[in-house]
Amino acid sequence: MPKNVWRTRIAAFAMLVAAVTGSAIAAPAAFASTTIAPTPGIAQSPDGVFGSNNIGGGWRMYNNGSVYSPDGTTRLTLLRGLLEVWVDGNHEWTASQSAGGDYVDFQHDGNLVVYQNNGHAVWASNTSGWCGPDGCHLAIENGGNVAVEDDVDYWNYWETNTDR
């Protein structure tokens, strides 16, 4: 059976387990990244904004910060505590958070999580553990989508579905 079929089935099973157990966020604060510096290999522009579509685990962005796609058309931002995607200056997506957050982490385990300063997670992509031995990255794509992707075949474990 093709690799993507198995991944789809596993993802569906994980969502079913989360729904049955009532576990909406599978990222305890103990797994939160403590890395504050930008991921090596991502160029930082003079205004402090990054341009990359390949952000590795350990990346953190604080409230009112943004990260852009390489061509600058797609922006992932934690604006006033809400994780949002903007494409060509238009609001396209907001995370369904339980409360406002103070920072967002893309953790080494592949989970994208919005945290409050007390370490309480208020939203997560629920992709922890999906990276496996291949690894994964957070992609801010020129086409408008934001995704957690496999490093080898670029299959999306999670995405905002905000493609143009």
N, C-alpha and C. Protein backbone atom coordinates (compact mmCIF):
# COMPACT_ATOMS: atom_id res chain seq x y z
N MET A 1 0.86 -1.18 0.00
CA MET A 1 0.00 0.00 0.00
C MET A 1 0.90 1.23 0.00
N PRO A 2 0.56 2.26 -0.81
CA PRO A 2 1.39 3.47 -0.87
C PRO A 2 1.53 4.15 0.49
N LYS A 3 2.67 4.80 0.67
CA LYS A 3 3.00 5.48 1.92
C LYS A 3 1.94 6.51 2.32
N ASN A 4 1.43 7.28 1.35
CA ASN A 4 0.44 8.32 1.66
C ASN A 4 -0.88 7.75 2.14
N VAL A 5 -1.25 6.56 1.65
CA VAL A 5 -2.50 5.93 2.09
C VAL A 5 -2.38 5.56 3.56
N TRP A 6 -1.24 5.00 3.94
CA TRP A 6 -1.04 4.65 5.36
C TRP A 6 -1.06 5.89 6.22
N ARG A 7 -0.41 6.95 5.79
CA ARG A 7 -0.38 8.18 6.58
C ARG A 7 -1.78 8.75 6.76
N THR A 8 -2.59 8.69 5.70
CA THR A 8 -3.96 9.19 5.79
C THR A 8 -4.75 8.37 6.79
N ARG A 9 -4.59 7.05 6.74
CA ARG A 9 -5.30 6.19 7.67
C ARG A 9 -4.85 6.43 9.11
N ILE A 10 -3.55 6.60 9.31
CA ILE A 10 -3.03 6.85 10.65
C ILE A 10 -3.54 8.20 11.16
N ALA A 11 -3.55 9.22 10.30
CA ALA A 11 -4.04 10.54 10.70
C ALA A 11 -5.52 10.46 11.08
N ALA A 12 -6.31 9.73 10.30
CA ALA A 12 -7.74 9.58 10.62
C ALA A 12 -7.92 8.88 11.95
N PHE A 13 -7.11 7.84 12.21
CA PHE A 13 -7.18 7.12 13.48
C PHE A 13 -6.82 8.05 14.64
N ALA A 14 -5.78 8.86 14.47
CA ALA A 14 -5.36 9.78 15.52
C ALA A 14 -6.46 10.80 15.83
N MET A 15 -7.15 11.29 14.78
CA MET A 15 -8.25 12.23 15.01
C MET A 15 -9.41 11.56 15.74
N LEU A 16 -9.67 10.28 15.40
CA LEU A 16 -10.73 9.54 16.07
C LEU A 16 -10.40 9.35 17.55
N VAL A 17 -9.16 8.98 17.84
CA VAL A 17 -8.73 8.81 19.23
C VAL A 17 -8.86 10.12 20.00
N ALA A 18 -8.45 11.23 19.37
CA ALA A 18 -8.56 12.54 20.02
C ALA A 18 -10.02 12.89 20.30
N ALA A 19 -10.90 12.58 19.35
CA ALA A 19 -12.31 12.88 19.53
C ALA A 19 -12.93 12.04 20.65
N VAL A 20 -12.57 10.76 20.71
CA VAL A 20 -13.13 9.85 21.72
C VAL A 20 -12.62 10.18 23.11
N THR A 21 -11.34 10.49 23.21
CA THR A 21 -10.75 10.76 24.53
C THR A 21 -10.96 12.20 24.98
N GLY A 22 -11.39 13.06 24.07
CA GLY A 22 -11.58 14.47 24.42
C GLY A 22 -10.28 15.24 24.48
N SER A 23 -9.21 14.66 23.96
CA SER A 23 -7.91 15.31 23.98
C SER A 23 -7.74 16.15 22.73
N ALA A 24 -7.99 17.43 22.85
CA ALA A 24 -7.88 18.31 21.70
C ALA A 24 -6.46 18.78 21.46
N ILE A 25 -5.65 18.81 22.51
CA ILE A 25 -4.27 19.26 22.38
C ILE A 25 -3.36 18.19 22.94
N ALA A 26 -2.48 17.68 22.09
CA ALA A 26 -1.62 16.58 22.48
C ALA A 26 -0.18 17.05 22.66
N ALA A 27 0.00 18.21 23.27
CA ALA A 27 1.35 18.74 23.42
C ALA A 27 1.54 19.33 24.81
N PRO A 28 1.96 18.52 25.77
CA PRO A 28 2.19 19.08 27.10
C PRO A 28 3.33 20.08 27.08
N ALA A 29 3.26 21.00 28.03
CA ALA A 29 4.26 22.06 28.10
C ALA A 29 5.67 21.51 28.28
N ALA A 30 5.79 20.30 28.79
CA ALA A 30 7.11 19.70 28.99
C ALA A 30 7.85 19.54 27.68
N PHE A 31 7.12 19.46 26.56
CA PHE A 31 7.77 19.29 25.27
C PHE A 31 7.99 20.61 24.56
N ALA A 32 7.67 21.71 25.20
CA ALA A 32 7.83 23.02 24.57
C ALA A 32 9.29 23.31 24.31
N SER A 33 9.54 23.95 23.21
CA SER A 33 10.90 24.31 22.87
C SER A 33 11.36 25.45 23.76
N THR A 34 12.62 25.41 24.11
CA THR A 34 13.18 26.53 24.87
C THR A 34 14.08 27.37 23.98
N THR A 35 14.18 27.01 22.70
CA THR A 35 15.00 27.74 21.78
C THR A 35 14.34 29.06 21.42
N ILE A 36 15.08 30.13 21.56
CA ILE A 36 14.54 31.45 21.25
C ILE A 36 15.15 31.97 19.95
N ALA A 37 16.35 31.58 19.64
CA ALA A 37 17.04 32.07 18.46
C ALA A 37 16.43 31.45 17.20
N PRO A 38 16.57 32.13 16.06
CA PRO A 38 16.08 31.59 14.80
C PRO A 38 16.77 30.28 14.46
N THR A 39 16.09 29.46 13.67
CA THR A 39 16.67 28.21 13.22
C THR A 39 17.85 28.50 12.31
N PRO A 40 18.99 27.82 12.51
CA PRO A 40 20.13 28.04 11.62
C PRO A 40 19.74 27.78 10.17
N GLY A 41 20.27 28.57 9.27
CA GLY A 41 20.00 28.39 7.86
C GLY A 41 18.85 29.24 7.36
N ILE A 42 18.12 29.91 8.24
CA ILE A 42 17.05 30.80 7.82
C ILE A 42 17.58 32.22 7.87
N ALA A 43 17.59 32.86 6.74
CA ALA A 43 18.14 34.22 6.67
C ALA A 43 17.21 35.19 7.38
N GLN A 44 17.79 36.07 8.17
CA GLN A 44 17.00 37.09 8.86
C GLN A 44 17.19 38.41 8.14
N SER A 45 16.06 39.03 7.79
CA SER A 45 16.12 40.32 7.12
C SER A 45 16.34 41.42 8.15
N PRO A 46 16.68 42.62 7.71
CA PRO A 46 16.95 43.72 8.65
C PRO A 46 15.78 44.05 9.58
N ASP A 47 14.54 43.81 9.13
CA ASP A 47 13.40 44.14 9.98
C ASP A 47 13.03 43.00 10.93
N GLY A 48 13.85 41.96 10.99
CA GLY A 48 13.62 40.86 11.93
C GLY A 48 12.64 39.82 11.44
N VAL A 49 12.24 39.87 10.19
CA VAL A 49 11.31 38.92 9.62
C VAL A 49 12.08 37.88 8.83
N PHE A 50 11.68 36.64 8.94
CA PHE A 50 12.35 35.56 8.24
C PHE A 50 11.68 35.29 6.92
N GLY A 51 12.42 34.83 5.94
CA GLY A 51 11.86 34.40 4.67
C GLY A 51 12.30 32.97 4.43
N SER A 52 11.42 32.00 4.64
CA SER A 52 11.79 30.61 4.46
C SER A 52 10.55 29.76 4.26
N ASN A 53 10.71 28.65 3.59
CA ASN A 53 9.64 27.67 3.54
C ASN A 53 10.14 26.34 4.11
N ASN A 54 11.13 26.40 4.97
CA ASN A 54 11.69 25.20 5.57
C ASN A 54 12.22 25.51 6.97
N ILE A 55 11.30 25.65 7.94
CA ILE A 55 11.66 25.99 9.31
C ILE A 55 11.72 24.71 10.13
N GLY A 56 12.86 24.46 10.75
CA GLY A 56 13.05 23.23 11.51
C GLY A 56 12.54 23.32 12.94
N GLY A 57 12.51 22.17 13.60
CA GLY A 57 12.07 22.09 14.99
C GLY A 57 12.94 22.94 15.90
N GLY A 58 12.33 23.47 16.95
CA GLY A 58 13.04 24.32 17.89
C GLY A 58 12.84 25.80 17.62
N TRP A 59 12.01 26.12 16.62
CA TRP A 59 11.76 27.50 16.25
C TRP A 59 10.66 28.09 17.14
N ARG A 60 10.82 29.34 17.53
CA ARG A 60 9.83 30.02 18.38
C ARG A 60 9.59 31.43 17.83
N MET A 61 8.31 31.87 17.91
CA MET A 61 7.95 33.23 17.52
C MET A 61 7.05 33.80 18.61
N TYR A 62 7.35 35.02 19.02
CA TYR A 62 6.59 35.66 20.08
C TYR A 62 5.42 36.47 19.53
N ASN A 63 4.53 36.89 20.43
CA ASN A 63 3.35 37.65 20.08
C ASN A 63 3.72 38.87 19.24
N ASN A 64 2.93 39.14 18.23
CA ASN A 64 3.10 40.21 17.26
C ASN A 64 4.30 40.01 16.35
N GLY A 65 4.82 38.78 16.29
CA GLY A 65 5.87 38.43 15.35
C GLY A 65 5.28 37.79 14.10
N SER A 66 6.06 37.77 13.02
CA SER A 66 5.61 37.19 11.76
C SER A 66 6.75 36.46 11.09
N VAL A 67 6.40 35.48 10.28
CA VAL A 67 7.35 34.80 9.40
C VAL A 67 6.70 34.74 8.03
N TYR A 68 7.49 35.04 6.99
CA TYR A 68 6.97 35.16 5.63
C TYR A 68 7.49 34.03 4.75
N SER A 69 6.76 33.78 3.68
CA SER A 69 7.24 32.88 2.63
C SER A 69 8.42 33.55 1.94
N PRO A 70 9.22 32.80 1.18
CA PRO A 70 10.38 33.40 0.52
C PRO A 70 10.04 34.60 -0.37
N ASP A 71 8.88 34.59 -1.03
CA ASP A 71 8.54 35.73 -1.89
C ASP A 71 7.75 36.81 -1.15
N GLY A 72 7.47 36.59 0.16
CA GLY A 72 6.81 37.59 0.98
C GLY A 72 5.30 37.65 0.85
N THR A 73 4.70 36.77 0.06
CA THR A 73 3.24 36.85 -0.13
C THR A 73 2.44 36.18 0.98
N THR A 74 3.01 35.18 1.63
CA THR A 74 2.32 34.46 2.70
C THR A 74 2.97 34.80 4.02
N ARG A 75 2.13 35.11 5.02
CA ARG A 75 2.65 35.48 6.33
C ARG A 75 1.94 34.67 7.41
N LEU A 76 2.72 34.00 8.25
CA LEU A 76 2.21 33.36 9.46
C LEU A 76 2.55 34.30 10.59
N THR A 77 1.54 34.68 11.38
CA THR A 77 1.77 35.67 12.42
C THR A 77 1.04 35.28 13.70
N LEU A 78 1.60 35.66 14.82
CA LEU A 78 0.91 35.57 16.10
C LEU A 78 0.53 37.01 16.43
N LEU A 79 -0.67 37.39 16.03
CA LEU A 79 -1.11 38.77 16.09
C LEU A 79 -2.13 38.93 17.21
N ARG A 80 -1.79 39.75 18.21
CA ARG A 80 -2.67 39.96 19.37
C ARG A 80 -3.06 38.63 20.02
N GLY A 81 -2.13 37.68 20.01
CA GLY A 81 -2.35 36.39 20.66
C GLY A 81 -2.98 35.33 19.79
N LEU A 82 -3.35 35.66 18.55
CA LEU A 82 -4.00 34.71 17.65
C LEU A 82 -3.07 34.31 16.52
N LEU A 83 -2.95 33.00 16.28
CA LEU A 83 -2.14 32.49 15.17
C LEU A 83 -2.95 32.64 13.89
N GLU A 84 -2.41 33.38 12.92
CA GLU A 84 -3.13 33.69 11.70
C GLU A 84 -2.26 33.52 10.47
N VAL A 85 -2.93 33.32 9.32
CA VAL A 85 -2.26 33.30 8.02
C VAL A 85 -2.87 34.41 7.18
N TRP A 86 -1.97 35.20 6.58
CA TRP A 86 -2.35 36.29 5.68
C TRP A 86 -1.69 36.02 4.33
N VAL A 87 -2.43 36.17 3.24
CA VAL A 87 -1.91 35.97 1.90
C VAL A 87 -2.20 37.22 1.08
N ASP A 88 -1.15 37.79 0.51
CA ASP A 88 -1.27 39.03 -0.27
C ASP A 88 -2.01 40.12 0.50
N GLY A 89 -1.76 40.20 1.81
CA GLY A 89 -2.37 41.21 2.65
C GLY A 89 -3.80 40.92 3.08
N ASN A 90 -4.32 39.76 2.70
CA ASN A 90 -5.70 39.38 3.07
C ASN A 90 -5.68 38.29 4.12
N HIS A 91 -6.52 38.44 5.15
CA HIS A 91 -6.63 37.42 6.20
C HIS A 91 -7.27 36.17 5.61
N GLU A 92 -6.61 35.00 5.82
CA GLU A 92 -7.10 33.75 5.24
C GLU A 92 -7.45 32.68 6.27
N TRP A 93 -6.84 32.71 7.46
CA TRP A 93 -7.02 31.62 8.42
C TRP A 93 -6.65 32.08 9.81
N THR A 94 -7.40 31.60 10.81
CA THR A 94 -7.07 31.82 12.22
C THR A 94 -7.22 30.49 12.95
N ALA A 95 -6.26 30.15 13.80
CA ALA A 95 -6.33 28.93 14.60
C ALA A 95 -7.51 29.01 15.55
N SER A 96 -8.14 27.88 15.78
CA SER A 96 -9.30 27.84 16.69
C SER A 96 -8.81 27.65 18.12
N GLN A 97 -8.20 28.71 18.65
CA GLN A 97 -7.58 28.67 19.97
C GLN A 97 -8.61 28.78 21.08
N SER A 98 -8.28 28.22 22.24
CA SER A 98 -9.15 28.33 23.41
C SER A 98 -8.93 29.66 24.14
N ALA A 99 -7.82 30.32 23.86
CA ALA A 99 -7.49 31.62 24.47
C ALA A 99 -6.34 32.23 23.67
N GLY A 100 -6.01 33.48 23.98
CA GLY A 100 -4.89 34.14 23.34
C GLY A 100 -3.57 33.54 23.80
N GLY A 101 -2.58 33.55 22.91
CA GLY A 101 -1.28 33.00 23.24
C GLY A 101 -0.21 34.06 23.30
N ASP A 102 0.94 33.69 23.89
CA ASP A 102 2.06 34.61 24.01
C ASP A 102 3.21 34.26 23.08
N TYR A 103 3.28 32.99 22.66
CA TYR A 103 4.30 32.58 21.70
C TYR A 103 3.84 31.30 21.02
N VAL A 104 4.44 31.03 19.86
CA VAL A 104 4.17 29.80 19.11
C VAL A 104 5.49 29.08 18.92
N ASP A 105 5.46 27.77 19.14
CA ASP A 105 6.64 26.93 18.96
C ASP A 105 6.39 25.92 17.85
N PHE A 106 7.39 25.74 16.98
CA PHE A 106 7.41 24.56 16.12
C PHE A 106 8.41 23.64 16.78
N GLN A 107 7.90 22.63 17.46
CA GLN A 107 8.71 21.76 18.31
C GLN A 107 9.49 20.73 17.50
N HIS A 108 10.50 20.17 18.12
CA HIS A 108 11.32 19.14 17.47
C HIS A 108 10.51 17.90 17.13
N ASP A 109 9.40 17.66 17.83
CA ASP A 109 8.57 16.48 17.55
C ASP A 109 7.58 16.72 16.41
N GLY A 110 7.62 17.91 15.80
CA GLY A 110 6.76 18.19 14.65
C GLY A 110 5.45 18.87 14.99
N ASN A 111 5.23 19.23 16.25
CA ASN A 111 3.98 19.86 16.66
C ASN A 111 4.14 21.38 16.63
N LEU A 112 3.17 22.06 16.03
CA LEU A 112 3.10 23.51 16.04
C LEU A 112 2.12 23.88 17.13
N VAL A 113 2.57 24.63 18.15
CA VAL A 113 1.76 24.86 19.35
C VAL A 113 1.80 26.33 19.75
N VAL A 114 0.62 26.87 20.10
CA VAL A 114 0.52 28.21 20.66
C VAL A 114 0.43 28.07 22.17
N TYR A 115 1.32 28.75 22.89
CA TYR A 115 1.38 28.68 24.34
C TYR A 115 1.13 30.04 24.97
N GLN A 116 0.62 30.00 26.20
CA GLN A 116 0.60 31.19 27.05
C GLN A 116 1.91 31.19 27.84
N ASN A 117 2.27 32.33 28.43
CA ASN A 117 3.53 32.42 29.18
C ASN A 117 3.62 31.44 30.34
N ASN A 118 2.48 30.99 30.87
CA ASN A 118 2.50 30.01 31.96
C ASN A 118 2.72 28.58 31.47
N GLY A 119 2.97 28.40 30.16
CA GLY A 119 3.23 27.08 29.60
C GLY A 119 1.98 26.32 29.18
N HIS A 120 0.81 26.94 29.33
CA HIS A 120 -0.45 26.30 28.96
C HIS A 120 -0.64 26.39 27.44
N ALA A 121 -0.83 25.24 26.79
CA ALA A 121 -1.08 25.20 25.35
C ALA A 121 -2.53 25.57 25.07
N VAL A 122 -2.74 26.52 24.15
CA VAL A 122 -4.09 26.95 23.80
C VAL A 122 -4.50 26.51 22.40
N TRP A 123 -3.56 25.97 21.63
CA TRP A 123 -3.86 25.42 20.31
C TRP A 123 -2.67 24.59 19.87
N ALA A 124 -2.93 23.52 19.11
CA ALA A 124 -1.84 22.70 18.56
C ALA A 124 -2.28 22.09 17.24
N SER A 125 -1.31 21.87 16.37
CA SER A 125 -1.59 21.19 15.11
C SER A 125 -1.79 19.69 15.32
N ASN A 126 -1.45 19.20 16.51
CA ASN A 126 -1.56 17.77 16.86
C ASN A 126 -0.77 16.88 15.92
N THR A 127 0.43 17.34 15.58
CA THR A 127 1.29 16.56 14.70
C THR A 127 2.53 16.05 15.44
N SER A 128 2.49 16.02 16.77
CA SER A 128 3.65 15.52 17.50
C SER A 128 3.84 14.05 17.21
N GLY A 129 5.07 13.67 16.99
CA GLY A 129 5.39 12.28 16.72
C GLY A 129 5.25 11.86 15.28
N TRP A 130 4.74 12.71 14.42
CA TRP A 130 4.55 12.34 13.02
C TRP A 130 5.86 12.43 12.22
N CYS A 131 6.83 13.12 12.72
CA CYS A 131 8.05 13.33 11.95
C CYS A 131 8.86 12.07 11.75
N GLY A 132 8.89 11.20 12.73
CA GLY A 132 9.62 9.95 12.59
C GLY A 132 11.08 10.17 12.26
N PRO A 133 11.74 9.14 11.73
CA PRO A 133 13.17 9.23 11.43
C PRO A 133 13.47 10.17 10.26
N ASP A 134 12.49 10.41 9.40
CA ASP A 134 12.71 11.28 8.25
C ASP A 134 12.81 12.74 8.65
N GLY A 135 12.11 13.14 9.70
CA GLY A 135 12.07 14.53 10.13
C GLY A 135 11.00 15.30 9.37
N CYS A 136 10.73 16.51 9.84
CA CYS A 136 9.74 17.36 9.18
C CYS A 136 10.10 18.82 9.42
N HIS A 137 9.38 19.68 8.74
CA HIS A 137 9.62 21.12 8.85
C HIS A 137 8.30 21.87 8.72
N LEU A 138 8.32 23.13 9.15
CA LEU A 138 7.19 24.02 8.97
C LEU A 138 7.44 24.80 7.69
N ALA A 139 6.50 24.72 6.76
CA ALA A 139 6.66 25.38 5.47
C ALA A 139 5.70 26.55 5.36
N ILE A 140 6.23 27.73 5.09
CA ILE A 140 5.44 28.92 4.78
C ILE A 140 5.57 29.07 3.27
N GLU A 141 4.55 28.67 2.53
CA GLU A 141 4.67 28.52 1.08
C GLU A 141 4.25 29.78 0.32
N ASN A 142 4.94 30.02 -0.79
CA ASN A 142 4.62 31.17 -1.64
C ASN A 142 3.17 31.13 -2.12
N GLY A 143 2.62 29.95 -2.30
CA GLY A 143 1.27 29.80 -2.82
C GLY A 143 0.18 30.09 -1.82
N GLY A 144 0.52 30.40 -0.56
CA GLY A 144 -0.47 30.77 0.42
C GLY A 144 -0.71 29.76 1.53
N ASN A 145 -0.19 28.57 1.41
CA ASN A 145 -0.43 27.53 2.40
C ASN A 145 0.66 27.52 3.47
N VAL A 146 0.29 27.13 4.69
CA VAL A 146 1.25 26.88 5.77
C VAL A 146 1.06 25.42 6.14
N ALA A 147 2.16 24.66 6.23
CA ALA A 147 2.04 23.23 6.44
C ALA A 147 3.18 22.68 7.27
N VAL A 148 2.91 21.57 7.97
CA VAL A 148 3.94 20.74 8.59
C VAL A 148 4.19 19.62 7.59
N GLU A 149 5.40 19.60 7.02
CA GLU A 149 5.71 18.69 5.92
C GLU A 149 6.82 17.71 6.29
N ASP A 150 6.75 16.54 5.69
CA ASP A 150 7.80 15.53 5.77
C ASP A 150 9.04 16.06 5.04
N ASP A 151 10.22 15.86 5.61
CA ASP A 151 11.46 16.36 5.00
C ASP A 151 11.85 15.62 3.74
N VAL A 152 11.38 14.38 3.55
CA VAL A 152 11.81 13.58 2.41
C VAL A 152 10.88 13.75 1.21
N ASP A 153 9.58 13.48 1.40
CA ASP A 153 8.67 13.52 0.26
C ASP A 153 7.72 14.72 0.28
N TYR A 154 7.88 15.62 1.27
CA TYR A 154 7.10 16.85 1.39
C TYR A 154 5.59 16.59 1.48
N TRP A 155 5.21 15.45 2.02
CA TRP A 155 3.81 15.15 2.29
C TRP A 155 3.37 15.98 3.47
N ASN A 156 2.19 16.59 3.40
CA ASN A 156 1.69 17.45 4.48
C ASN A 156 1.02 16.63 5.57
N TYR A 157 1.54 16.72 6.79
CA TYR A 157 0.90 16.10 7.95
C TYR A 157 -0.25 16.97 8.43
N TRP A 158 -0.10 18.27 8.26
CA TRP A 158 -1.11 19.25 8.66
C TRP A 158 -0.93 20.45 7.76
N GLU A 159 -2.04 21.17 7.46
CA GLU A 159 -1.93 22.39 6.65
C GLU A 159 -3.13 23.28 6.91
N THR A 160 -2.97 24.55 6.57
CA THR A 160 -4.04 25.53 6.74
C THR A 160 -5.02 25.52 5.57
N ASN A 161 -4.66 24.87 4.48
CA ASN A 161 -5.50 24.83 3.27
C ASN A 161 -5.84 26.23 2.76
N THR A 162 -4.85 27.09 2.75
CA THR A 162 -5.05 28.46 2.28
C THR A 162 -4.34 28.72 0.96
N ASP A 163 -4.16 27.66 0.15
CA ASP A 163 -3.56 27.82 -1.17
C ASP A 163 -4.37 28.77 -2.03
N ARG A 164 -3.66 29.52 -2.84
CA ARG A 164 -4.36 30.38 -3.81
C ARG A 164 -4.77 29.57 -5.00
